[in-house]
């Protein structure tokens, strides 16, 4: 290969930037896919440990039916 052949195969700055951006997007997509599969396999581990009735004021736990009537 001569010097002119090497310059024909070199990437421009715009192409290098585009490849770097696509690479970062692929890494981000891979992380999101892993996170989604972890949530699908164990959905209850991502939920907060507090109870749904902790924030209700004036009602005791188990008296939700009385609040509806």
C-alpha atoms as a PDB file:
ATOM      1  CA  UNK A   1       0.000   0.000   0.000  1.00  0.00           C
ATOM      2  CA  UNK A   2       1.242   3.425  -0.856  1.00  0.00           C
ATOM      3  CA  UNK A   3       0.599   6.639   1.062  1.00  0.00           C
ATOM      4  CA  UNK A   4      -2.277   7.662  -1.205  1.00  0.00           C
ATOM      5  CA  UNK A   5      -4.050   4.348  -0.547  1.00  0.00           C
ATOM      6  CA  UNK A   6      -3.845   4.902   3.226  1.00  0.00           C
ATOM      7  CA  UNK A   7      -5.420   8.359   2.983  1.00  0.00           C
ATOM      8  CA  UNK A   8      -8.289   6.939   0.943  1.00  0.00           C
ATOM      9  CA  UNK A   9      -9.235   4.621   3.812  1.00  0.00           C
ATOM     10  CA  UNK A  10      -8.832   7.122   6.662  1.00  0.00           C
ATOM     11  CA  UNK A  11     -11.941   8.481   8.346  1.00  0.00           C
ATOM     12  CA  UNK A  12     -12.833  12.134   8.504  1.00  0.00           C
ATOM     13  CA  UNK A  13     -13.474  13.906  11.785  1.00  0.00           C
ATOM     14  CA  UNK A  14     -17.229  13.826  11.162  1.00  0.00           C
ATOM     15  CA  UNK A  15     -17.165  10.075  10.580  1.00  0.00           C
ATOM     16  CA  UNK A  16     -15.119   9.475  13.721  1.00  0.00           C
ATOM     17  CA  UNK A  17     -17.560  11.601  15.733  1.00  0.00           C
ATOM     18  CA  UNK A  18     -20.528   9.753  14.275  1.00  0.00           C
ATOM     19  CA  UNK A  19     -18.973   6.361  15.094  1.00  0.00           C
ATOM     20  CA  UNK A  20     -18.203   7.495  18.636  1.00  0.00           C
ATOM     21  CA  UNK A  21     -21.780   8.755  19.096  1.00  0.00           C
ATOM     22  CA  UNK A  22     -23.276   5.528  17.717  1.00  0.00           C
ATOM     23  CA  UNK A  23     -20.973   3.539  20.000  1.00  0.00           C
ATOM     24  CA  UNK A  24     -22.126   5.495  23.050  1.00  0.00           C
ATOM     25  CA  UNK A  25     -25.752   4.972  22.035  1.00  0.00           C
ATOM     26  CA  UNK A  26     -25.176   1.232  21.694  1.00  0.00           C
ATOM     27  CA  UNK A  27     -23.593   1.065  25.158  1.00  0.00           C
ATOM     28  CA  UNK A  28     -26.529   3.024  26.604  1.00  0.00           C
ATOM     29  CA  UNK A  29     -29.005   0.730  24.826  1.00  0.00           C
ATOM     30  CA  UNK A  30     -27.194  -2.322  26.178  1.00  0.00           C
ATOM     31  CA  UNK A  31     -27.388  -0.976  29.730  1.00  0.00           C
ATOM     32  CA  UNK A  32     -31.102  -0.284  29.341  1.00  0.00           C
ATOM     33  CA  UNK A  33     -31.729  -3.782  27.993  1.00  0.00           C
ATOM     34  CA  UNK A  34     -29.868  -5.340  30.931  1.00  0.00           C
ATOM     35  CA  UNK A  35     -31.819  -3.199  33.395  1.00  0.00           C
ATOM     36  CA  UNK A  36     -35.157  -4.097  31.779  1.00  0.00           C
ATOM     37  CA  UNK A  37     -34.372  -7.813  31.881  1.00  0.00           C
ATOM     38  CA  UNK A  38     -33.391  -7.532  35.554  1.00  0.00           C
ATOM     39  CA  UNK A  39     -36.728  -5.848  36.303  1.00  0.00           C
ATOM     40  CA  UNK A  40     -38.614  -8.493  34.330  1.00  0.00           C
ATOM     41  CA  UNK A  41     -36.868 -11.336  36.136  1.00  0.00           C
ATOM     42  CA  UNK A  42     -37.315  -9.865  39.636  1.00  0.00           C
ATOM     43  CA  UNK A  43     -39.917  -7.059  39.557  1.00  0.00           C
ATOM     44  CA  UNK A  44     -40.413  -6.786  43.315  1.00  0.00           C
ATOM     45  CA  UNK A  45     -36.790  -5.939  44.102  1.00  0.00           C
ATOM     46  CA  UNK A  46     -37.126  -2.554  42.371  1.00  0.00           C
ATOM     47  CA  UNK A  47     -40.167  -1.532  44.435  1.00  0.00           C
ATOM     48  CA  UNK A  48     -39.697   0.565  47.554  1.00  0.00           C
ATOM     49  CA  UNK A  49     -39.983  -1.327  50.800  1.00  0.00           C
ATOM     50  CA  UNK A  50     -42.595   1.013  52.319  1.00  0.00           C
ATOM     51  CA  UNK A  51     -46.220  -0.034  52.439  1.00  0.00           C
ATOM     52  CA  UNK A  52     -48.811   1.566  50.159  1.00  0.00           C
ATOM     53  CA  UNK A  53     -50.856   2.702  53.174  1.00  0.00           C
ATOM     54  CA  UNK A  54     -48.010   4.472  54.971  1.00  0.00           C
ATOM     55  CA  UNK A  55     -48.900   7.865  53.523  1.00  0.00           C
ATOM     56  CA  UNK A  56     -52.647   7.718  54.215  1.00  0.00           C
ATOM     57  CA  UNK A  57     -53.583   9.996  57.081  1.00  0.00           C
ATOM     58  CA  UNK A  58     -56.643   9.443  59.227  1.00  0.00           C
ATOM     59  CA  UNK A  59     -57.156   5.897  58.056  1.00  0.00           C
ATOM     60  CA  UNK A  60     -55.934   2.725  59.631  1.00  0.00           C
ATOM     61  CA  UNK A  61     -54.511  -0.049  57.528  1.00  0.00           C
ATOM     62  CA  UNK A  62     -57.317  -2.353  56.457  1.00  0.00           C
ATOM     63  CA  UNK A  63     -60.060   0.293  56.597  1.00  0.00           C
ATOM     64  CA  UNK A  64     -59.771   1.334  52.975  1.00  0.00           C
ATOM     65  CA  UNK A  65     -63.230  -0.113  52.210  1.00  0.00           C
ATOM     66  CA  UNK A  66     -64.827   2.280  54.712  1.00  0.00           C
ATOM     67  CA  UNK A  67     -63.232   5.265  52.999  1.00  0.00           C
ATOM     68  CA  UNK A  68     -64.881   4.343  49.698  1.00  0.00           C
ATOM     69  CA  UNK A  69     -68.432   4.392  51.155  1.00  0.00           C
END
